[in-house]
Amino acid sequence: MTREWRLVIGETGNIATLHSDRNFEELEAGMKQTAKVLAEAIGAVVEGDGSVELAGVASPERASSSDLIFVDSPKQVARAEASAARCVVLPTGLSVAGKTLLRAQHAKVAFAKAAAVLREASIIAQGIHPAVVILPLAKIAATASIGPYAVIGEDVHVGERTQIGAHCSIAAGVWIGEGCRIHPRVTIYANTRVGDRVEIHSGAVIGADGFGYAYGEGRHWKFPQAGIVEIGDDVEIGANTTIDRGSLDDTRIGEGVKLDNLVHIGHNVQIGAHTVIAAQTGVSGSCVFGRHATIGGQVGFGDHCTVEDHAVIGSQAGVLPGKIVRAGQVMWGTPVRPLPEFKELNAWFSRLPELGTRIKKLEEKSGVVDGGTV
């Protein structure tokens, strides 16, 4: 059965509850859980003492007896066996002696779910600080929290249990949903729409003008940047990432998208649900990404590219303007090309010095110098 996981920040702003269709309704983050209860919540099977109490997660070397650890390869077994932890998440086919085992098909995913229960999210803000500036027409939910020196503009809506950190600037007409976590010094330009349970890290700028100009009469004329940014539910936006507002359309970030630090999203870009983009990637205007795509770090996209569902693009690739990356393809290189082709070309490139030497020797033997005969 497919389950829907939702992270909801609790009424005090520092308690989180992870919900599924059935298992997480009563589990609060930061609370101790027995191995048995936790296993039921994450879909794992207990082997050993199900009464072991767990209070946190850690690496094997740093774990205490109340921490949960995980193993997903045979080479990690010795580290786990030497750990002080009494309980370990691991996949079928592996075994760790002397521990309570929580077996799951995907150990790393199960461990991440467990961490959402055992770890309490850090507090960004608590209550409304007296140094906040809130313009008269703003609507702030009773359970929302705002840190010092934040500025909340006219007609802003801030949903229940949302936390906004110190020195944030939220411009007029912004809508922020429920359970969001907006870290200090985030800037959100006018009329941006932010869904529920969105996390935006420090230094991010959402809704600045896109880089759009028309050249004529010897100068660059600014093209209208009249659209907005729409961010779906459960999105995470990394530190110092920038997302430009649309030009004549809107920029849209789909549900569950994860953007790393220092990512740039240009105007009118559309990113489908659950796509992930690693650090320092630059996406030019009007690119369209499908669902569940994976983009490595430092990838450069020309304008009007299309990346279809489940495509993978490796780090430092260059995607030329208008390029279409088909669904499920794995691509690499500049210009980007299918991975087998990239690997073959890369192998030849590494042999160029050797091939050059061989060609020179052949030319000498045949009496050819610089392409001509002696």
Protein backbone atom coordinates (compact mmCIF):
# COMPACT_ATOMS: atom_id res chain seq x y z
CA MET A 1 0.00 0.00 0.00
CA THR A 2 1.28 3.45 -0.87
CA ARG A 3 1.46 5.78 2.11
CA GLU A 4 1.49 9.55 2.16
CA TRP A 5 3.98 11.10 4.61
CA ARG A 6 3.37 14.60 5.94
CA LEU A 7 5.48 16.60 8.39
CA VAL A 8 3.45 18.95 10.57
CA ILE A 9 5.03 21.26 13.14
CA GLY A 10 3.16 21.05 16.43
CA GLU A 11 1.27 23.73 18.31
CA THR A 12 4.25 25.05 20.27
CA GLY A 13 6.34 25.48 17.13
CA ASN A 14 8.98 23.00 18.30
CA ILE A 15 7.16 19.68 18.25
CA ALA A 16 6.78 17.83 14.97
CA THR A 17 4.42 14.96 14.19
CA LEU A 18 5.02 12.72 11.17
CA HIS A 19 1.78 11.36 9.79
CA SER A 20 1.10 8.43 7.52
CA ASP A 21 -2.23 6.90 6.64
CA ARG A 22 -2.00 4.79 9.76
CA ASN A 23 1.24 4.76 11.72
CA PHE A 24 2.44 8.17 12.83
CA GLU A 25 -0.72 9.74 14.21
CA GLU A 26 0.47 9.74 17.82
CA LEU A 27 4.26 9.89 17.49
CA GLU A 28 5.82 13.22 18.46
CA ALA A 29 9.31 14.25 17.45
CA GLY A 30 11.81 14.45 20.27
CA MET A 31 9.97 11.80 22.32
CA LYS A 32 11.47 8.43 23.27
CA GLN A 33 10.01 5.45 21.42
CA THR A 34 10.44 1.72 21.87
CA ALA A 35 11.97 -0.23 19.01
CA LYS A 36 8.65 -2.06 18.54
CA VAL A 37 6.55 1.11 18.23
CA LEU A 38 9.10 2.76 15.95
CA ALA A 39 9.32 -0.32 13.72
CA GLU A 40 5.55 -0.32 13.25
CA ALA A 41 5.68 3.36 12.30
CA ILE A 42 8.43 3.00 9.69
CA GLY A 43 7.29 -0.31 8.24
CA ALA A 44 10.17 -2.39 9.63
CA VAL A 45 10.25 -5.84 11.24
CA VAL A 46 11.75 -6.22 14.73
CA GLU A 47 14.26 -8.94 15.51
CA GLY A 48 15.34 -8.99 19.16
CA ASP A 49 14.26 -6.90 22.14
CA GLY A 50 11.41 -4.66 21.01
CA SER A 51 11.32 -2.87 24.37
CA VAL A 52 14.63 -1.06 23.78
CA GLU A 53 14.03 2.68 24.19
CA LEU A 54 15.33 5.02 21.51
CA ALA A 55 15.82 8.75 21.91
CA GLY A 56 17.87 9.84 18.90
CA VAL A 57 19.87 8.89 15.81
CA ALA A 58 23.62 8.92 15.22
CA SER A 59 26.49 7.40 13.29
CA PRO A 60 27.82 4.13 14.76
CA GLU A 61 30.93 5.82 16.19
CA ARG A 62 29.02 8.64 17.91
CA ALA A 63 25.98 6.69 19.07
CA SER A 64 25.01 6.16 22.70
CA SER A 65 22.98 3.19 23.90
CA SER A 66 19.73 5.10 23.24
CA ASP A 67 20.58 6.09 19.66
CA LEU A 68 19.40 4.36 16.51
CA ILE A 69 21.97 3.62 13.79
CA PHE A 70 21.68 2.15 10.29
CA VAL A 71 23.62 -0.21 8.05
CA ASP A 72 23.03 -0.65 4.31
CA SER A 73 26.13 -2.54 3.15
CA PRO A 74 28.27 -5.44 4.45
CA LYS A 75 31.31 -3.19 4.93
CA GLN A 76 29.41 -1.26 7.63
CA VAL A 77 28.58 -4.29 9.76
CA ALA A 78 31.79 -4.22 11.82
CA ARG A 79 31.26 -0.51 12.65
CA ALA A 80 27.72 -1.28 13.82
CA GLU A 81 28.78 -4.24 15.95
CA ALA A 82 31.40 -2.09 17.69
CA SER A 83 28.91 0.71 18.35
CA ALA A 84 27.36 1.46 21.75
CA ALA A 85 23.96 1.61 20.03
CA ARG A 86 21.60 -1.20 20.94
CA CYS A 87 19.36 -0.93 17.88
CA VAL A 88 20.12 -0.81 14.15
CA VAL A 89 18.09 -0.39 10.96
CA LEU A 90 19.28 -2.70 8.17
CA PRO A 91 18.04 -4.39 5.00
CA THR A 92 17.20 -8.04 4.43
CA GLY A 93 20.31 -10.13 3.93
CA LEU A 94 22.52 -8.37 6.48
CA SER A 95 22.96 -9.18 10.15
CA VAL A 96 24.57 -7.37 13.08
CA ALA A 97 25.40 -9.44 16.17
CA GLY A 98 24.27 -8.38 19.63
CA LYS A 99 21.74 -5.71 18.52
CA THR A 100 17.99 -5.33 18.19
CA LEU A 101 17.38 -5.26 14.44
CA LEU A 102 14.77 -3.25 12.53
CA ARG A 103 14.67 -4.82 9.08
CA ALA A 104 13.35 -2.73 6.19
CA GLN A 105 13.51 -3.11 2.42
CA HIS A 106 15.10 0.35 2.09
CA ALA A 107 17.15 0.86 5.25
CA LYS A 108 18.19 4.45 4.54
CA VAL A 109 14.61 5.55 3.88
CA ALA A 110 13.38 3.79 7.02
CA PHE A 111 16.16 5.44 9.03
CA ALA A 112 15.17 8.87 7.67
CA LYS A 113 11.55 8.28 8.72
CA ALA A 114 12.71 7.19 12.17
CA ALA A 115 14.85 10.31 12.48
CA ALA A 116 11.80 12.49 11.77
CA VAL A 117 10.17 10.95 14.84
CA LEU A 118 13.15 10.81 17.21
CA ARG A 119 14.71 14.21 16.43
CA GLU A 120 13.09 17.47 17.45
CA ALA A 121 13.36 20.22 14.86
CA SER A 122 15.37 23.26 15.93
CA ILE A 123 13.39 26.33 16.95
CA ILE A 124 13.59 29.19 14.44
CA ALA A 125 11.29 31.55 16.31
CA GLN A 126 8.99 31.34 19.32
CA GLY A 127 6.04 33.68 19.57
CA ILE A 128 6.01 37.14 17.98
CA HIS A 129 9.14 39.06 18.99
CA PRO A 130 8.51 42.69 20.06
CA ALA A 131 11.07 43.92 17.52
CA VAL A 132 9.07 42.57 14.56
CA VAL A 133 7.54 45.05 12.09
CA ILE A 134 4.10 43.89 10.95
CA LEU A 135 2.12 46.16 8.66
CA PRO A 136 -1.54 46.65 9.58
CA LEU A 137 -3.26 44.47 6.94
CA ALA A 138 -1.06 41.40 7.46
CA LYS A 139 -2.80 38.26 8.74
CA ILE A 140 -0.66 36.20 11.13
CA ALA A 141 -2.04 32.91 12.48
CA ALA A 142 -2.26 32.63 16.25
CA THR A 143 0.24 29.75 16.39
CA ALA A 144 2.77 31.34 14.00
CA SER A 145 6.13 32.60 15.33
CA ILE A 146 8.27 35.47 14.03
CA GLY A 147 11.82 36.32 15.13
CA PRO A 148 13.36 39.74 15.84
CA TYR A 149 13.74 42.40 13.13
CA ALA A 150 11.65 40.54 10.59
CA VAL A 151 9.47 42.75 8.41
CA ILE A 152 6.01 41.51 7.37
CA GLY A 153 4.42 43.58 4.59
CA GLU A 154 0.86 44.57 3.73
CA ASP A 155 -1.64 41.79 2.96
CA VAL A 156 0.81 39.04 3.94
CA HIS A 157 -0.76 35.78 5.11
CA VAL A 158 1.22 33.55 7.50
CA GLY A 159 -0.33 30.15 8.27
CA GLU A 160 -0.64 28.13 11.46
CA ARG A 161 2.56 26.86 13.12
CA THR A 162 4.82 28.60 10.60
CA GLN A 163 8.12 29.95 11.96
CA ILE A 164 9.84 32.98 10.39
CA GLY A 165 13.39 33.74 11.52
CA ALA A 166 15.17 36.94 12.45
CA HIS A 167 15.80 39.61 9.80
CA CYS A 168 13.50 38.02 7.22
CA SER A 169 11.77 40.32 4.75
CA ILE A 170 8.33 39.23 3.57
CA ALA A 171 6.96 41.68 1.00
CA ALA A 172 3.37 42.71 0.32
CA GLY A 173 0.85 40.12 -0.77
CA VAL A 174 2.96 37.05 0.08
CA TRP A 175 1.01 33.94 1.09
CA ILE A 176 2.81 31.45 3.36
CA GLY A 177 1.07 28.21 4.29
CA GLU A 178 1.04 26.09 7.44
CA GLY A 179 3.97 24.45 9.19
CA CYS A 180 6.64 26.30 7.20
CA ARG A 181 10.17 26.92 8.50
CA ILE A 182 11.76 30.09 7.13
CA HIS A 183 15.27 30.55 8.48
CA PRO A 184 16.88 33.94 9.25
CA ARG A 185 17.62 36.48 6.51
CA VAL A 186 15.34 35.04 3.86
CA THR A 187 13.85 37.57 1.42
CA ILE A 188 10.51 36.85 -0.24
CA TYR A 189 9.38 39.38 -2.86
CA ALA A 190 5.80 40.55 -3.37
CA ASN A 191 2.92 38.18 -4.16
CA THR A 192 4.94 34.95 -3.86
CA ARG A 193 2.89 31.88 -2.93
CA VAL A 194 4.44 29.35 -0.52
CA GLY A 195 2.67 26.07 0.24
CA ASP A 196 2.52 24.04 3.46
CA ARG A 197 5.52 22.54 5.27
CA VAL A 198 8.05 24.40 3.12
CA GLU A 199 11.56 24.93 4.53
CA ILE A 200 13.60 27.87 3.22
CA HIS A 201 17.19 28.20 4.43
CA SER A 202 19.10 31.37 5.24
CA GLY A 203 20.00 33.81 2.51
CA ALA A 204 17.50 32.52 -0.04
CA VAL A 205 15.85 35.14 -2.25
CA ILE A 206 12.47 34.23 -3.73
CA GLY A 207 10.76 36.33 -6.38
CA ALA A 208 13.46 38.73 -7.61
CA ASP A 209 13.21 39.91 -11.22
CA GLY A 210 14.43 37.50 -13.87
CA PHE A 211 17.26 38.32 -16.26
CA GLY A 212 15.19 39.48 -19.22
CA TYR A 213 16.12 42.26 -21.66
CA ALA A 214 15.35 43.23 -25.25
CA TYR A 215 18.20 44.84 -27.20
CA GLY A 216 17.45 47.77 -29.47
CA GLU A 217 18.53 51.30 -30.28
CA GLY A 218 21.98 50.58 -28.89
CA ARG A 219 20.85 49.57 -25.40
CA HIS A 220 19.18 46.82 -23.33
CA TRP A 221 15.52 47.41 -22.48
CA LYS A 222 14.17 45.60 -19.42
CA PHE A 223 11.51 43.09 -20.41
CA PRO A 224 8.52 42.92 -18.02
CA GLN A 225 8.96 40.63 -15.03
CA ALA A 226 5.31 40.63 -14.07
CA GLY A 227 4.75 37.05 -12.95
CA ILE A 228 5.09 35.51 -9.49
CA VAL A 229 6.70 32.46 -7.85
CA GLU A 230 4.55 29.55 -6.70
CA ILE A 231 6.12 26.98 -4.34
CA GLY A 232 4.30 23.72 -3.65
CA ASP A 233 3.94 21.76 -0.41
CA ASP A 234 6.91 20.01 1.24
CA VAL A 235 9.55 21.86 -0.78
CA GLU A 236 13.00 22.53 0.71
CA ILE A 237 15.11 25.42 -0.61
CA GLY A 238 18.80 25.59 0.26
CA ALA A 239 20.85 28.48 1.62
CA ASN A 240 21.57 31.35 -0.78
CA THR A 241 19.41 29.84 -3.49
CA THR A 242 17.57 32.27 -5.77
CA ILE A 243 14.26 31.74 -7.56
CA ASP A 244 13.23 34.47 -10.03
CA ARG A 245 9.65 35.56 -10.52
CA GLY A 246 8.03 34.86 -13.87
CA SER A 247 8.19 37.23 -16.79
CA LEU A 248 4.74 37.07 -18.43
CA ASP A 249 4.05 33.63 -16.94
CA ASP A 250 4.83 32.36 -13.39
CA THR A 251 7.75 30.37 -11.99
CA ARG A 252 6.46 27.17 -10.39
CA ILE A 253 8.23 24.77 -8.01
CA GLY A 254 6.26 21.54 -7.61
CA GLU A 255 5.39 19.53 -4.51
CA GLY A 256 8.30 17.84 -2.74
CA VAL A 257 11.04 19.49 -4.84
CA LYS A 258 14.44 19.75 -3.09
CA LEU A 259 16.85 22.52 -4.11
CA ASP A 260 20.38 22.49 -2.69
CA ASN A 261 22.42 25.55 -1.69
CA LEU A 262 23.39 28.15 -4.30
CA VAL A 263 20.96 26.96 -6.96
CA HIS A 264 19.63 29.57 -9.39
CA ILE A 265 16.17 29.15 -10.95
CA GLY A 266 15.41 31.61 -13.76
CA HIS A 267 12.09 33.19 -14.72
CA ASN A 268 9.18 31.07 -15.98
CA VAL A 269 10.92 27.80 -14.99
CA GLN A 270 8.57 24.92 -14.19
CA ILE A 271 9.88 22.13 -11.93
CA GLY A 272 7.79 18.99 -11.49
CA ALA A 273 7.04 17.24 -8.21
CA HIS A 274 9.85 15.52 -6.27
CA THR A 275 12.66 16.62 -8.57
CA VAL A 276 16.00 17.24 -6.81
CA ILE A 277 18.70 19.71 -7.90
CA ALA A 278 22.18 19.77 -6.33
CA ALA A 279 24.32 22.80 -5.46
CA GLN A 280 25.50 25.51 -7.84
CA THR A 281 23.23 24.47 -10.67
CA GLY A 282 21.98 27.30 -12.87
CA VAL A 283 18.66 26.97 -14.69
CA SER A 284 17.98 29.55 -17.40
CA GLY A 285 14.56 30.98 -18.13
CA SER A 286 11.61 28.94 -19.39
CA CYS A 287 13.14 25.51 -18.73
CA VAL A 288 10.63 22.78 -17.92
CA PHE A 289 11.55 19.85 -15.64
CA GLY A 290 9.33 16.82 -15.17
CA ARG A 291 8.65 14.80 -12.04
CA HIS A 292 11.29 12.86 -10.09
CA ALA A 293 14.20 14.18 -12.17
CA THR A 294 17.68 14.18 -10.59
CA ILE A 295 20.13 16.98 -11.40
CA GLY A 296 23.74 16.88 -10.17
CA GLY A 297 25.79 19.82 -8.92
CA GLN A 298 27.10 22.63 -11.15
CA VAL A 299 24.92 21.73 -14.12
CA GLY A 300 24.25 24.60 -16.51
CA PHE A 301 20.98 24.81 -18.45
CA GLY A 302 20.42 27.05 -21.45
CA ASP A 303 16.99 28.62 -21.89
CA HIS A 304 13.92 26.62 -22.96
CA CYS A 305 15.38 23.18 -22.08
CA THR A 306 13.07 20.29 -21.28
CA VAL A 307 13.96 17.53 -18.80
CA GLU A 308 11.36 14.79 -18.74
CA ASP A 309 10.25 12.56 -15.84
CA HIS A 310 12.88 10.47 -14.02
CA ALA A 311 15.77 11.78 -16.14
CA VAL A 312 19.22 12.01 -14.49
CA ILE A 313 21.83 14.62 -15.41
CA GLY A 314 25.33 14.26 -13.95
CA SER A 315 27.41 16.94 -12.26
CA GLN A 316 28.98 19.74 -14.32
CA ALA A 317 26.98 18.83 -17.41
CA GLY A 318 26.08 21.53 -19.91
CA VAL A 319 22.59 21.44 -21.44
CA LEU A 320 22.32 23.58 -24.57
CA PRO A 321 19.32 25.89 -25.15
CA GLY A 322 16.23 24.05 -26.33
CA LYS A 323 17.66 20.58 -25.59
CA ILE A 324 15.17 17.85 -24.67
CA VAL A 325 16.33 15.17 -22.22
CA ARG A 326 13.94 12.27 -22.59
CA ALA A 327 12.23 10.45 -19.73
CA GLY A 328 14.49 8.09 -17.81
CA GLN A 329 17.68 8.99 -19.67
CA VAL A 330 20.98 9.25 -17.78
CA MET A 331 23.02 12.08 -19.31
CA TRP A 332 26.48 13.57 -18.69
CA GLY A 333 29.04 15.91 -20.17
CA THR A 334 29.12 19.16 -22.15
CA PRO A 335 27.22 19.24 -24.38
CA VAL A 336 25.15 16.72 -22.47
CA ARG A 337 24.91 13.27 -24.02
CA PRO A 338 23.84 9.74 -22.95
CA LEU A 339 26.12 8.34 -20.25
CA PRO A 340 27.55 5.40 -22.32
CA GLU A 341 28.54 7.81 -25.09
CA PHE A 342 30.06 10.24 -22.56
CA LYS A 343 32.10 7.43 -20.97
CA GLU A 344 33.40 6.26 -24.34
CA LEU A 345 34.40 9.79 -25.39
CA ASN A 346 36.01 10.44 -22.03
CA ALA A 347 38.11 7.29 -22.41
CA TRP A 348 39.32 8.52 -25.81
CA PHE A 349 40.06 12.01 -24.47
CA SER A 350 42.27 10.52 -21.75
CA ARG A 351 44.30 8.74 -24.46
CA LEU A 352 44.89 11.84 -26.62
CA PRO A 353 48.53 12.42 -25.43
CA GLU A 354 49.38 8.78 -26.17
CA LEU A 355 47.66 8.92 -29.57
CA GLY A 356 49.39 12.19 -30.41
CA THR A 357 52.79 10.64 -29.71
CA ARG A 358 51.97 7.63 -31.88
CA ILE A 359 50.85 9.86 -34.77
CA LYS A 360 54.08 11.88 -34.62
CA LYS A 361 56.15 8.68 -34.76
CA LEU A 362 54.14 7.44 -37.74
CA GLU A 363 54.62 10.79 -39.52
CA GLU A 364 58.36 10.64 -38.92
CA LYS A 365 58.56 7.13 -40.34
CA SER A 366 56.53 8.08 -43.39
CA GLY A 367 58.39 11.35 -44.02
CA VAL A 368 55.43 13.57 -43.21
CA VAL A 369 55.98 16.80 -41.26
CA ASP A 370 53.04 18.91 -40.05
CA GLY A 371 50.67 17.28 -42.48
CA GLY A 372 52.92 17.63 -45.55
CA THR A 373 55.71 15.54 -47.06
CA VAL A 374 59.38 16.29 -46.40
